[in-house]
């Protein structure tokens, strides 16, 4: 069996050229990919030292927030060449997870990609321990993708090398399994501490922040939303924040400080006060830090004649809490 087909099939399903090239980072994918691929030379059979150095470089790229589309597949192929089929499978799932977080794939499409890869292991002999580990890793990733945390942990934990980096993707998956199950207080306490310590490597990975918001502290939710406001985790995080601030309904109207600042910049740069209407649902919510932040920002604009006229006009048409907030802005 040619295990290299794992990356080929997932790459074919992913079509990763430019699909989420807007993924934030210090360098654009177009600038980074050619030089990195040239250095790793994946078409050749690299020495173990070369593979180790390349994997270390990938880790450093991720720790500086520089993950780009295809990096997980590069890692997967490097690990495959080193005979680490379990690591190759996890790296491929990492690629799919990033793509899902940026809205490229649905959960079903991620599942399909993993199923296609698992089909390559139908003829694996139990005596082939390396490939058996690859099959186990794929099954663990599938369980993780479905939210079957106990099964995912049982499948993935035995695959963890003793020298595994503390912030590796596999360790992150196992931390999530612990937090989601929440069955052992001491273990959960340790996992929470470890989770916060690895954030540098996952600065722009939406699911890291979503799982943190769900299981550690609601403040993680704001960063998740800021990373990709229309992503599959962003709306869930708005709901988490709303519950945290005691907002029983209308939580989808919540906007983070970064989103508020963006709307205000657009309004000012285009000389268009009406752009602020996007924030009116936020103003109508009960007191919370984001509504108060928006009020303060709009108060500053109310000193400008054109914006003041806009607020006066809208306050006459508004009712309820929104009218109260607009009148408050005008009292500045």
C-alpha atoms as a PDB file:
ATOM      1  CA  UNK A   1       0.000   0.000   0.000  1.00  0.00           C
ATOM      2  CA  UNK A   2       1.313   3.430  -0.911  1.00  0.00           C
ATOM      3  CA  UNK A   3       0.475   5.553   2.096  1.00  0.00           C
ATOM      4  CA  UNK A   4       1.407   8.662   0.130  1.00  0.00           C
ATOM      5  CA  UNK A   5      -2.100   8.461  -1.296  1.00  0.00           C
ATOM      6  CA  UNK A   6      -3.356   9.786   2.066  1.00  0.00           C
ATOM      7  CA  UNK A   7      -2.039  13.249   1.327  1.00  0.00           C
ATOM      8  CA  UNK A   8      -2.937  12.977  -2.351  1.00  0.00           C
ATOM      9  CA  UNK A   9      -6.601  12.166  -1.617  1.00  0.00           C
ATOM     10  CA  UNK A  10      -6.996  14.809   1.032  1.00  0.00           C
ATOM     11  CA  UNK A  11      -5.251  17.374  -1.150  1.00  0.00           C
ATOM     12  CA  UNK A  12      -7.551  16.499  -4.045  1.00  0.00           C
ATOM     13  CA  UNK A  13     -10.577  16.952  -1.780  1.00  0.00           C
ATOM     14  CA  UNK A  14      -9.213  20.160  -0.322  1.00  0.00           C
ATOM     15  CA  UNK A  15      -8.091  22.064  -3.452  1.00  0.00           C
ATOM     16  CA  UNK A  16      -6.088  24.244  -1.129  1.00  0.00           C
ATOM     17  CA  UNK A  17      -4.758  26.787  -3.593  1.00  0.00           C
ATOM     18  CA  UNK A  18      -6.239  30.123  -2.516  1.00  0.00           C
ATOM     19  CA  UNK A  19      -9.314  28.599  -0.841  1.00  0.00           C
ATOM     20  CA  UNK A  20      -8.455  30.123   2.502  1.00  0.00           C
ATOM     21  CA  UNK A  21      -5.458  32.202   1.583  1.00  0.00           C
ATOM     22  CA  UNK A  22      -6.953  34.977   3.692  1.00  0.00           C
ATOM     23  CA  UNK A  23      -5.917  32.994   6.764  1.00  0.00           C
ATOM     24  CA  UNK A  24      -4.224  35.621   9.002  1.00  0.00           C
ATOM     25  CA  UNK A  25      -0.522  35.489   9.590  1.00  0.00           C
ATOM     26  CA  UNK A  26       2.670  37.525   9.360  1.00  0.00           C
ATOM     27  CA  UNK A  27       3.315  36.448   5.774  1.00  0.00           C
ATOM     28  CA  UNK A  28       1.043  35.628   2.880  1.00  0.00           C
ATOM     29  CA  UNK A  29       0.800  31.981   1.775  1.00  0.00           C
ATOM     30  CA  UNK A  30       2.042  32.940  -1.680  1.00  0.00           C
ATOM     31  CA  UNK A  31       5.226  34.317  -0.134  1.00  0.00           C
ATOM     32  CA  UNK A  32       5.900  31.425   2.226  1.00  0.00           C
ATOM     33  CA  UNK A  33       4.909  28.233   0.415  1.00  0.00           C
ATOM     34  CA  UNK A  34       7.442  28.269  -2.470  1.00  0.00           C
ATOM     35  CA  UNK A  35      10.489  28.837  -0.260  1.00  0.00           C
ATOM     36  CA  UNK A  36       9.334  26.318   2.325  1.00  0.00           C
ATOM     37  CA  UNK A  37       8.599  23.577  -0.210  1.00  0.00           C
ATOM     38  CA  UNK A  38      11.941  24.207  -1.899  1.00  0.00           C
ATOM     39  CA  UNK A  39      13.678  23.790   1.438  1.00  0.00           C
ATOM     40  CA  UNK A  40      11.871  20.585   2.409  1.00  0.00           C
ATOM     41  CA  UNK A  41      12.129  19.069  -1.109  1.00  0.00           C
ATOM     42  CA  UNK A  42       9.255  16.616  -0.506  1.00  0.00           C
ATOM     43  CA  UNK A  43       9.786  14.890  -3.850  1.00  0.00           C
ATOM     44  CA  UNK A  44      13.020  13.405  -2.557  1.00  0.00           C
ATOM     45  CA  UNK A  45      13.586  10.991   0.310  1.00  0.00           C
ATOM     46  CA  UNK A  46      15.052  13.227   3.000  1.00  0.00           C
ATOM     47  CA  UNK A  47      17.364  12.098   5.745  1.00  0.00           C
ATOM     48  CA  UNK A  48      15.962  11.755   9.246  1.00  0.00           C
ATOM     49  CA  UNK A  49      17.881  14.868  10.308  1.00  0.00           C
ATOM     50  CA  UNK A  50      16.345  16.860   7.461  1.00  0.00           C
ATOM     51  CA  UNK A  51      12.867  15.684   8.416  1.00  0.00           C
ATOM     52  CA  UNK A  52      13.383  16.626  12.051  1.00  0.00           C
ATOM     53  CA  UNK A  53      14.630  20.071  11.093  1.00  0.00           C
ATOM     54  CA  UNK A  54      11.696  20.595   8.732  1.00  0.00           C
ATOM     55  CA  UNK A  55       9.199  19.559  11.394  1.00  0.00           C
ATOM     56  CA  UNK A  56      10.826  21.940  13.853  1.00  0.00           C
ATOM     57  CA  UNK A  57      10.558  24.708  11.300  1.00  0.00           C
ATOM     58  CA  UNK A  58       6.860  23.966  10.803  1.00  0.00           C
ATOM     59  CA  UNK A  59       6.348  24.212  14.558  1.00  0.00           C
ATOM     60  CA  UNK A  60       8.065  27.600  14.661  1.00  0.00           C
ATOM     61  CA  UNK A  61       6.010  28.869  11.736  1.00  0.00           C
ATOM     62  CA  UNK A  62       2.861  27.894  13.615  1.00  0.00           C
ATOM     63  CA  UNK A  63       4.060  29.479  16.859  1.00  0.00           C
ATOM     64  CA  UNK A  64       4.501  32.823  15.106  1.00  0.00           C
ATOM     65  CA  UNK A  65       0.947  32.672  13.745  1.00  0.00           C
ATOM     66  CA  UNK A  66       2.142  31.837  10.252  1.00  0.00           C
ATOM     67  CA  UNK A  67       0.086  28.747   9.441  1.00  0.00           C
ATOM     68  CA  UNK A  68      -0.793  28.738   5.745  1.00  0.00           C
ATOM     69  CA  UNK A  69      -2.934  26.469   3.547  1.00  0.00           C
ATOM     70  CA  UNK A  70      -1.080  23.266   2.740  1.00  0.00           C
ATOM     71  CA  UNK A  71       1.327  23.396   5.682  1.00  0.00           C
ATOM     72  CA  UNK A  72      -0.440  20.494   7.395  1.00  0.00           C
ATOM     73  CA  UNK A  73      -0.159  18.427   4.228  1.00  0.00           C
ATOM     74  CA  UNK A  74       3.558  19.199   3.969  1.00  0.00           C
ATOM     75  CA  UNK A  75       3.952  18.021   7.554  1.00  0.00           C
ATOM     76  CA  UNK A  76       1.877  14.923   6.810  1.00  0.00           C
ATOM     77  CA  UNK A  77       4.098  13.914   3.917  1.00  0.00           C
ATOM     78  CA  UNK A  78       7.270  14.529   5.898  1.00  0.00           C
ATOM     79  CA  UNK A  79       6.012  12.315   8.720  1.00  0.00           C
ATOM     80  CA  UNK A  80       4.968   9.653   6.263  1.00  0.00           C
ATOM     81  CA  UNK A  81       8.474   9.599   4.786  1.00  0.00           C
ATOM     82  CA  UNK A  82       9.828   9.154   8.315  1.00  0.00           C
ATOM     83  CA  UNK A  83       7.523   6.167   8.846  1.00  0.00           C
ATOM     84  CA  UNK A  84       5.348   8.055  11.351  1.00  0.00           C
ATOM     85  CA  UNK A  85       1.983   7.174   9.828  1.00  0.00           C
ATOM     86  CA  UNK A  86       0.008   8.146  12.931  1.00  0.00           C
ATOM     87  CA  UNK A  87       1.667  11.560  12.916  1.00  0.00           C
ATOM     88  CA  UNK A  88       0.969  11.873   9.194  1.00  0.00           C
ATOM     89  CA  UNK A  89      -2.725  11.176   9.762  1.00  0.00           C
ATOM     90  CA  UNK A  90      -2.991  13.729  12.591  1.00  0.00           C
ATOM     91  CA  UNK A  91      -1.181  16.370  10.502  1.00  0.00           C
ATOM     92  CA  UNK A  92      -3.604  15.762   7.630  1.00  0.00           C
ATOM     93  CA  UNK A  93      -6.525  16.193  10.034  1.00  0.00           C
ATOM     94  CA  UNK A  94      -4.945  19.417  11.257  1.00  0.00           C
ATOM     95  CA  UNK A  95      -5.096  20.713   7.684  1.00  0.00           C
ATOM     96  CA  UNK A  96      -8.759  19.798   7.431  1.00  0.00           C
ATOM     97  CA  UNK A  97      -9.514  21.374  10.821  1.00  0.00           C
ATOM     98  CA  UNK A  98      -7.987  24.692   9.799  1.00  0.00           C
ATOM     99  CA  UNK A  99      -9.949  24.609   6.551  1.00  0.00           C
ATOM    100  CA  UNK A 100     -13.172  23.888   8.451  1.00  0.00           C
ATOM    101  CA  UNK A 101     -12.506  26.745  10.870  1.00  0.00           C
ATOM    102  CA  UNK A 102     -12.319  29.147   7.931  1.00  0.00           C
ATOM    103  CA  UNK A 103     -15.515  27.907   6.346  1.00  0.00           C
ATOM    104  CA  UNK A 104     -13.884  25.991   3.494  1.00  0.00           C
ATOM    105  CA  UNK A 105     -15.368  22.614   4.444  1.00  0.00           C
ATOM    106  CA  UNK A 106     -18.391  21.339   6.303  1.00  0.00           C
ATOM    107  CA  UNK A 107     -18.116  18.757   9.071  1.00  0.00           C
ATOM    108  CA  UNK A 108     -19.431  16.170   6.612  1.00  0.00           C
ATOM    109  CA  UNK A 109     -16.696  17.012   4.104  1.00  0.00           C
ATOM    110  CA  UNK A 110     -14.013  16.648   6.767  1.00  0.00           C
ATOM    111  CA  UNK A 111     -15.518  13.266   7.664  1.00  0.00           C
ATOM    112  CA  UNK A 112     -15.485  12.248   3.997  1.00  0.00           C
ATOM    113  CA  UNK A 113     -11.822  13.181   3.664  1.00  0.00           C
ATOM    114  CA  UNK A 114     -10.941  11.046   6.681  1.00  0.00           C
ATOM    115  CA  UNK A 115     -13.079   8.146   5.429  1.00  0.00           C
ATOM    116  CA  UNK A 116     -11.309   8.249   2.068  1.00  0.00           C
ATOM    117  CA  UNK A 117      -7.956   8.112   3.809  1.00  0.00           C
ATOM    118  CA  UNK A 118      -9.056   5.288   6.123  1.00  0.00           C
ATOM    119  CA  UNK A 119     -10.074   3.208   3.117  1.00  0.00           C
ATOM    120  CA  UNK A 120      -6.384   2.973   2.239  1.00  0.00           C
ATOM    121  CA  UNK A 121      -5.831   0.863   5.359  1.00  0.00           C
ATOM    122  CA  UNK A 122      -8.268  -1.926   4.489  1.00  0.00           C
ATOM    123  CA  UNK A 123      -5.424  -4.316   3.710  1.00  0.00           C
ATOM    124  CA  UNK A 124      -3.151  -3.408   6.620  1.00  0.00           C
ATOM    125  CA  UNK A 125      -1.794  -6.389   8.503  1.00  0.00           C
ATOM    126  CA  UNK A 126      -1.983  -6.280  12.323  1.00  0.00           C
ATOM    127  CA  UNK A 127       1.742  -7.050  12.307  1.00  0.00           C
ATOM    128  CA  UNK A 128       2.412  -3.785  10.491  1.00  0.00           C
ATOM    129  CA  UNK A 129       2.487  -1.673  13.649  1.00  0.00           C
ATOM    130  CA  UNK A 130       3.318   1.624  11.962  1.00  0.00           C
ATOM    131  CA  UNK A 131       0.429   1.448   9.515  1.00  0.00           C
ATOM    132  CA  UNK A 132      -1.879   0.070  12.179  1.00  0.00           C
ATOM    133  CA  UNK A 133      -1.066   3.195  14.197  1.00  0.00           C
ATOM    134  CA  UNK A 134      -1.981   5.293  11.165  1.00  0.00           C
ATOM    135  CA  UNK A 135      -5.352   3.549  10.930  1.00  0.00           C
ATOM    136  CA  UNK A 136      -5.927   4.073  14.656  1.00  0.00           C
ATOM    137  CA  UNK A 137      -5.040   7.764  14.352  1.00  0.00           C
ATOM    138  CA  UNK A 138      -7.516   8.283  11.529  1.00  0.00           C
ATOM    139  CA  UNK A 139     -10.268   6.585  13.535  1.00  0.00           C
ATOM    140  CA  UNK A 140      -9.375   8.799  16.492  1.00  0.00           C
ATOM    141  CA  UNK A 141      -9.564  11.915  14.310  1.00  0.00           C
ATOM    142  CA  UNK A 142     -12.961  10.794  13.022  1.00  0.00           C
ATOM    143  CA  UNK A 143     -14.238  10.339  16.575  1.00  0.00           C
ATOM    144  CA  UNK A 144     -12.860  13.763  17.501  1.00  0.00           C
ATOM    145  CA  UNK A 145     -14.539  15.347  14.481  1.00  0.00           C
ATOM    146  CA  UNK A 146     -17.869  13.837  15.595  1.00  0.00           C
ATOM    147  CA  UNK A 147     -17.466  15.031  19.175  1.00  0.00           C
ATOM    148  CA  UNK A 148     -17.121  11.485  20.505  1.00  0.00           C
ATOM    149  CA  UNK A 149     -14.566  12.542  23.084  1.00  0.00           C
ATOM    150  CA  UNK A 150     -14.176   9.336  25.094  1.00  0.00           C
ATOM    151  CA  UNK A 151     -13.578   7.231  21.997  1.00  0.00           C
ATOM    152  CA  UNK A 152     -11.248   9.837  20.511  1.00  0.00           C
ATOM    153  CA  UNK A 153      -9.144   9.889  23.687  1.00  0.00           C
ATOM    154  CA  UNK A 154      -8.992   6.093  23.877  1.00  0.00           C
ATOM    155  CA  UNK A 155      -7.784   5.905  20.283  1.00  0.00           C
ATOM    156  CA  UNK A 156      -5.365   8.837  20.296  1.00  0.00           C
ATOM    157  CA  UNK A 157      -3.774   8.764  23.766  1.00  0.00           C
ATOM    158  CA  UNK A 158      -1.739   5.568  23.143  1.00  0.00           C
ATOM    159  CA  UNK A 159      -0.250   7.219  20.041  1.00  0.00           C
ATOM    160  CA  UNK A 160       1.298  10.095  21.990  1.00  0.00           C
ATOM    161  CA  UNK A 161       5.110   9.826  21.849  1.00  0.00           C
ATOM    162  CA  UNK A 162       6.979  10.358  25.081  1.00  0.00           C
ATOM    163  CA  UNK A 163       8.920  13.252  23.511  1.00  0.00           C
ATOM    164  CA  UNK A 164       5.871  14.918  21.938  1.00  0.00           C
ATOM    165  CA  UNK A 165       5.977  18.716  21.972  1.00  0.00           C
ATOM    166  CA  UNK A 166       3.721  20.186  24.689  1.00  0.00           C
ATOM    167  CA  UNK A 167       1.887  22.345  22.121  1.00  0.00           C
ATOM    168  CA  UNK A 168       1.530  19.798  19.310  1.00  0.00           C
ATOM    169  CA  UNK A 169      -1.786  19.324  17.550  1.00  0.00           C
ATOM    170  CA  UNK A 170      -2.165  15.836  19.017  1.00  0.00           C
ATOM    171  CA  UNK A 171      -1.688  17.210  22.543  1.00  0.00           C
ATOM    172  CA  UNK A 172      -4.247  19.925  21.789  1.00  0.00           C
ATOM    173  CA  UNK A 173      -6.741  17.259  20.680  1.00  0.00           C
ATOM    174  CA  UNK A 174      -6.202  15.286  23.874  1.00  0.00           C
ATOM    175  CA  UNK A 175      -6.597  18.409  26.006  1.00  0.00           C
ATOM    176  CA  UNK A 176      -9.915  19.070  24.269  1.00  0.00           C
ATOM    177  CA  UNK A 177     -11.007  15.494  24.965  1.00  0.00           C
ATOM    178  CA  UNK A 178     -10.256  15.981  28.664  1.00  0.00           C
ATOM    179  CA  UNK A 179     -12.048  19.320  28.869  1.00  0.00           C
ATOM    180  CA  UNK A 180     -15.100  18.175  26.938  1.00  0.00           C
ATOM    181  CA  UNK A 181     -15.559  15.050  29.062  1.00  0.00           C
ATOM    182  CA  UNK A 182     -15.028  16.946  32.334  1.00  0.00           C
ATOM    183  CA  UNK A 183     -15.025  13.761  34.384  1.00  0.00           C
ATOM    184  CA  UNK A 184     -11.903  14.163  36.523  1.00  0.00           C
ATOM    185  CA  UNK A 185     -11.485  17.440  38.413  1.00  0.00           C
ATOM    186  CA  UNK A 186      -7.699  17.170  38.825  1.00  0.00           C
ATOM    187  CA  UNK A 187      -7.204  16.184  35.201  1.00  0.00           C
ATOM    188  CA  UNK A 188      -9.435  19.007  33.996  1.00  0.00           C
ATOM    189  CA  UNK A 189      -7.603  21.530  36.179  1.00  0.00           C
ATOM    190  CA  UNK A 190      -4.280  20.437  34.702  1.00  0.00           C
ATOM    191  CA  UNK A 191      -5.702  20.518  31.173  1.00  0.00           C
ATOM    192  CA  UNK A 192      -6.958  24.077  31.621  1.00  0.00           C
ATOM    193  CA  UNK A 193      -3.532  25.244  32.700  1.00  0.00           C
ATOM    194  CA  UNK A 194      -1.843  23.458  29.803  1.00  0.00           C
ATOM    195  CA  UNK A 195      -4.423  24.791  27.352  1.00  0.00           C
ATOM    196  CA  UNK A 196      -3.656  28.401  28.130  1.00  0.00           C
ATOM    197  CA  UNK A 197       0.083  27.774  27.892  1.00  0.00           C
ATOM    198  CA  UNK A 198      -0.039  26.629  24.250  1.00  0.00           C
ATOM    199  CA  UNK A 199      -2.044  29.508  22.799  1.00  0.00           C
ATOM    200  CA  UNK A 200       0.875  31.015  20.824  1.00  0.00           C
ATOM    201  CA  UNK A 201       0.769  28.118  18.376  1.00  0.00           C
ATOM    202  CA  UNK A 202      -2.986  28.499  17.845  1.00  0.00           C
ATOM    203  CA  UNK A 203      -3.369  32.278  17.675  1.00  0.00           C
ATOM    204  CA  UNK A 204      -5.302  32.123  14.400  1.00  0.00           C
ATOM    205  CA  UNK A 205      -6.916  28.709  14.802  1.00  0.00           C
ATOM    206  CA  UNK A 206     -10.641  29.377  15.474  1.00  0.00           C
ATOM    207  CA  UNK A 207     -11.391  26.048  17.115  1.00  0.00           C
ATOM    208  CA  UNK A 208      -8.719  26.561  19.765  1.00  0.00           C
ATOM    209  CA  UNK A 209     -10.547  29.659  20.979  1.00  0.00           C
ATOM    210  CA  UNK A 210     -13.975  28.105  20.612  1.00  0.00           C
ATOM    211  CA  UNK A 211     -13.074  25.084  22.754  1.00  0.00           C
ATOM    212  CA  UNK A 212     -11.506  27.424  25.300  1.00  0.00           C
ATOM    213  CA  UNK A 213     -14.655  29.549  25.411  1.00  0.00           C
ATOM    214  CA  UNK A 214     -16.808  26.469  25.800  1.00  0.00           C
ATOM    215  CA  UNK A 215     -14.772  24.778  28.515  1.00  0.00           C
ATOM    216  CA  UNK A 216     -12.526  27.334  30.234  1.00  0.00           C
ATOM    217  CA  UNK A 217     -13.640  30.955  30.039  1.00  0.00           C
ATOM    218  CA  UNK A 218     -16.079  32.904  27.868  1.00  0.00           C
ATOM    219  CA  UNK A 219     -13.400  35.515  27.177  1.00  0.00           C
ATOM    220  CA  UNK A 220     -11.852  33.093  24.671  1.00  0.00           C
ATOM    221  CA  UNK A 221     -14.914  33.670  22.489  1.00  0.00           C
ATOM    222  CA  UNK A 222     -13.997  37.220  21.489  1.00  0.00           C
ATOM    223  CA  UNK A 223     -10.760  36.148  19.798  1.00  0.00           C
ATOM    224  CA  UNK A 224     -12.551  33.319  18.004  1.00  0.00           C
ATOM    225  CA  UNK A 225     -15.000  35.804  16.505  1.00  0.00           C
ATOM    226  CA  UNK A 226     -12.258  38.263  15.569  1.00  0.00           C
ATOM    227  CA  UNK A 227     -10.290  35.625  13.681  1.00  0.00           C
ATOM    228  CA  UNK A 228     -13.087  34.869  11.220  1.00  0.00           C
ATOM    229  CA  UNK A 229     -16.362  36.623  11.922  1.00  0.00           C
ATOM    230  CA  UNK A 230     -18.406  34.468   9.541  1.00  0.00           C
ATOM    231  CA  UNK A 231     -16.819  31.146  10.475  1.00  0.00           C
ATOM    232  CA  UNK A 232     -18.668  28.126  11.873  1.00  0.00           C
ATOM    233  CA  UNK A 233     -17.453  28.836  15.403  1.00  0.00           C
ATOM    234  CA  UNK A 234     -18.088  32.593  15.450  1.00  0.00           C
ATOM    235  CA  UNK A 235     -21.859  32.418  15.852  1.00  0.00           C
ATOM    236  CA  UNK A 236     -21.550  29.832  18.615  1.00  0.00           C
ATOM    237  CA  UNK A 237     -19.137  32.162  20.389  1.00  0.00           C
ATOM    238  CA  UNK A 238     -21.605  35.058  20.183  1.00  0.00           C
ATOM    239  CA  UNK A 239     -24.106  32.848  21.978  1.00  0.00           C
ATOM    240  CA  UNK A 240     -21.495  31.936  24.600  1.00  0.00           C
ATOM    241  CA  UNK A 241     -20.713  35.630  25.210  1.00  0.00           C
ATOM    242  CA  UNK A 242     -24.394  36.514  25.393  1.00  0.00           C
ATOM    243  CA  UNK A 243     -25.003  33.860  28.044  1.00  0.00           C
ATOM    244  CA  UNK A 244     -21.932  35.046  29.938  1.00  0.00           C
ATOM    245  CA  UNK A 245     -23.339  38.587  30.131  1.00  0.00           C
ATOM    246  CA  UNK A 246     -26.853  37.439  30.977  1.00  0.00           C
ATOM    247  CA  UNK A 247     -28.380  38.255  27.603  1.00  0.00           C
ATOM    248  CA  UNK A 248     -31.202  35.780  27.150  1.00  0.00           C
ATOM    249  CA  UNK A 249     -32.095  36.740  23.586  1.00  0.00           C
ATOM    250  CA  UNK A 250     -30.578  38.771  20.763  1.00  0.00           C
ATOM    251  CA  UNK A 251     -27.100  37.464  21.448  1.00  0.00           C
ATOM    252  CA  UNK A 252     -26.408  37.181  17.735  1.00  0.00           C
ATOM    253  CA  UNK A 253     -26.374  40.995  17.673  1.00  0.00           C
ATOM    254  CA  UNK A 254     -23.244  41.047  19.832  1.00  0.00           C
ATOM    255  CA  UNK A 255     -20.195  42.549  18.150  1.00  0.00           C
ATOM    256  CA  UNK A 256     -16.669  42.456  19.510  1.00  0.00           C
ATOM    257  CA  UNK A 257     -14.540  45.511  20.087  1.00  0.00           C
ATOM    258  CA  UNK A 258     -12.591  44.784  16.897  1.00  0.00           C
ATOM    259  CA  UNK A 259     -15.814  44.534  14.889  1.00  0.00           C
ATOM    260  CA  UNK A 260     -17.121  47.770  16.386  1.00  0.00           C
ATOM    261  CA  UNK A 261     -13.888  49.587  15.582  1.00  0.00           C
ATOM    262  CA  UNK A 262     -14.045  48.269  12.012  1.00  0.00           C
ATOM    263  CA  UNK A 263     -17.590  49.603  11.472  1.00  0.00           C
ATOM    264  CA  UNK A 264     -16.628  52.991  12.882  1.00  0.00           C
ATOM    265  CA  UNK A 265     -13.494  53.181  10.703  1.00  0.00           C
ATOM    266  CA  UNK A 266     -15.608  52.409   7.636  1.00  0.00           C
ATOM    267  CA  UNK A 267     -18.155  55.056   8.611  1.00  0.00           C
ATOM    268  CA  UNK A 268     -15.489  57.733   9.075  1.00  0.00           C
ATOM    269  CA  UNK A 269     -13.287  56.811   6.091  1.00  0.00           C
ATOM    270  CA  UNK A 270     -16.267  56.797   3.721  1.00  0.00           C
ATOM    271  CA  UNK A 271     -17.921  59.817   5.363  1.00  0.00           C
ATOM    272  CA  UNK A 272     -21.038  57.707   5.780  1.00  0.00           C
ATOM    273  CA  UNK A 273     -22.792  57.987   9.167  1.00  0.00           C
ATOM    274  CA  UNK A 274     -25.436  55.495   8.014  1.00  0.00           C
ATOM    275  CA  UNK A 275     -22.844  52.717   8.178  1.00  0.00           C
ATOM    276  CA  UNK A 276     -23.265  52.879  11.953  1.00  0.00           C
ATOM    277  CA  UNK A 277     -26.767  51.413  11.646  1.00  0.00           C
ATOM    278  CA  UNK A 278     -25.067  48.031  11.524  1.00  0.00           C
ATOM    279  CA  UNK A 279     -24.391  48.517  15.239  1.00  0.00           C
ATOM    280  CA  UNK A 280     -27.927  49.507  16.221  1.00  0.00           C
ATOM    281  CA  UNK A 281     -28.969  45.942  17.182  1.00  0.00           C
ATOM    282  CA  UNK A 282     -25.965  45.926  19.521  1.00  0.00           C
ATOM    283  CA  UNK A 283     -27.063  49.230  21.078  1.00  0.00           C
ATOM    284  CA  UNK A 284     -30.492  47.736  21.762  1.00  0.00           C
ATOM    285  CA  UNK A 285     -29.087  44.952  23.937  1.00  0.00           C
ATOM    286  CA  UNK A 286     -29.018  45.049  27.749  1.00  0.00           C
ATOM    287  CA  UNK A 287     -25.880  46.480  29.339  1.00  0.00           C
ATOM    288  CA  UNK A 288     -22.736  44.580  28.426  1.00  0.00           C
ATOM    289  CA  UNK A 289     -19.106  45.591  27.756  1.00  0.00           C
ATOM    290  CA  UNK A 290     -19.499  45.610  23.972  1.00  0.00           C
ATOM    291  CA  UNK A 291     -22.595  47.803  23.927  1.00  0.00           C
ATOM    292  CA  UNK A 292     -20.936  50.214  26.347  1.00  0.00           C
ATOM    293  CA  UNK A 293     -17.803  50.261  24.178  1.00  0.00           C
ATOM    294  CA  UNK A 294     -19.902  51.095  21.105  1.00  0.00           C
ATOM    295  CA  UNK A 295     -21.716  53.858  23.021  1.00  0.00           C
ATOM    296  CA  UNK A 296     -18.430  55.455  24.005  1.00  0.00           C
ATOM    297  CA  UNK A 297     -17.123  55.337  20.441  1.00  0.00           C
ATOM    298  CA  UNK A 298     -20.307  56.846  19.027  1.00  0.00           C
ATOM    299  CA  UNK A 299     -20.301  59.607  21.644  1.00  0.00           C
ATOM    300  CA  UNK A 300     -16.972  60.734  20.221  1.00  0.00           C
ATOM    301  CA  UNK A 301     -18.490  60.912  16.740  1.00  0.00           C
ATOM    302  CA  UNK A 302     -21.526  62.854  17.945  1.00  0.00           C
ATOM    303  CA  UNK A 303     -19.414  65.990  18.162  1.00  0.00           C
ATOM    304  CA  UNK A 304     -19.128  66.000  14.352  1.00  0.00           C
ATOM    305  CA  UNK A 305     -22.052  67.865  12.719  1.00  0.00           C
ATOM    306  CA  UNK A 306     -22.898  65.275  10.070  1.00  0.00           C
ATOM    307  CA  UNK A 307     -22.866  62.402  12.543  1.00  0.00           C
ATOM    308  CA  UNK A 308     -24.818  64.402  15.115  1.00  0.00           C
ATOM    309  CA  UNK A 309     -27.552  65.054  12.550  1.00  0.00           C
ATOM    310  CA  UNK A 310     -27.605  61.344  11.801  1.00  0.00           C
ATOM    311  CA  UNK A 311     -28.056  60.445  15.486  1.00  0.00           C
ATOM    312  CA  UNK A 312     -30.804  63.043  15.925  1.00  0.00           C
ATOM    313  CA  UNK A 313     -32.694  61.719  12.894  1.00  0.00           C
ATOM    314  CA  UNK A 314     -32.426  58.080  13.988  1.00  0.00           C
ATOM    315  CA  UNK A 315     -33.351  58.841  17.595  1.00  0.00           C
ATOM    316  CA  UNK A 316     -36.652  60.338  16.437  1.00  0.00           C
ATOM    317  CA  UNK A 317     -37.462  57.126  14.557  1.00  0.00           C
ATOM    318  CA  UNK A 318     -36.260  54.676  17.214  1.00  0.00           C
ATOM    319  CA  UNK A 319     -38.085  53.269  20.202  1.00  0.00           C
ATOM    320  CA  UNK A 320     -37.348  51.421  23.414  1.00  0.00           C
ATOM    321  CA  UNK A 321     -33.777  50.817  24.516  1.00  0.00           C
ATOM    322  CA  UNK A 322     -32.323  51.891  21.166  1.00  0.00           C
ATOM    323  CA  UNK A 323     -33.970  55.308  21.448  1.00  0.00           C
ATOM    324  CA  UNK A 324     -32.628  55.663  24.989  1.00  0.00           C
ATOM    325  CA  UNK A 325     -29.114  54.813  23.842  1.00  0.00           C
ATOM    326  CA  UNK A 326     -29.216  57.228  20.906  1.00  0.00           C
ATOM    327  CA  UNK A 327     -30.411  60.021  23.198  1.00  0.00           C
ATOM    328  CA  UNK A 328     -27.579  59.155  25.574  1.00  0.00           C
ATOM    329  CA  UNK A 329     -25.107  59.556  22.711  1.00  0.00           C
ATOM    330  CA  UNK A 330     -26.557  62.970  21.897  1.00  0.00           C
ATOM    331  CA  UNK A 331     -26.132  64.168  25.494  1.00  0.00           C
ATOM    332  CA  UNK A 332     -22.370  64.057  25.123  1.00  0.00           C
END
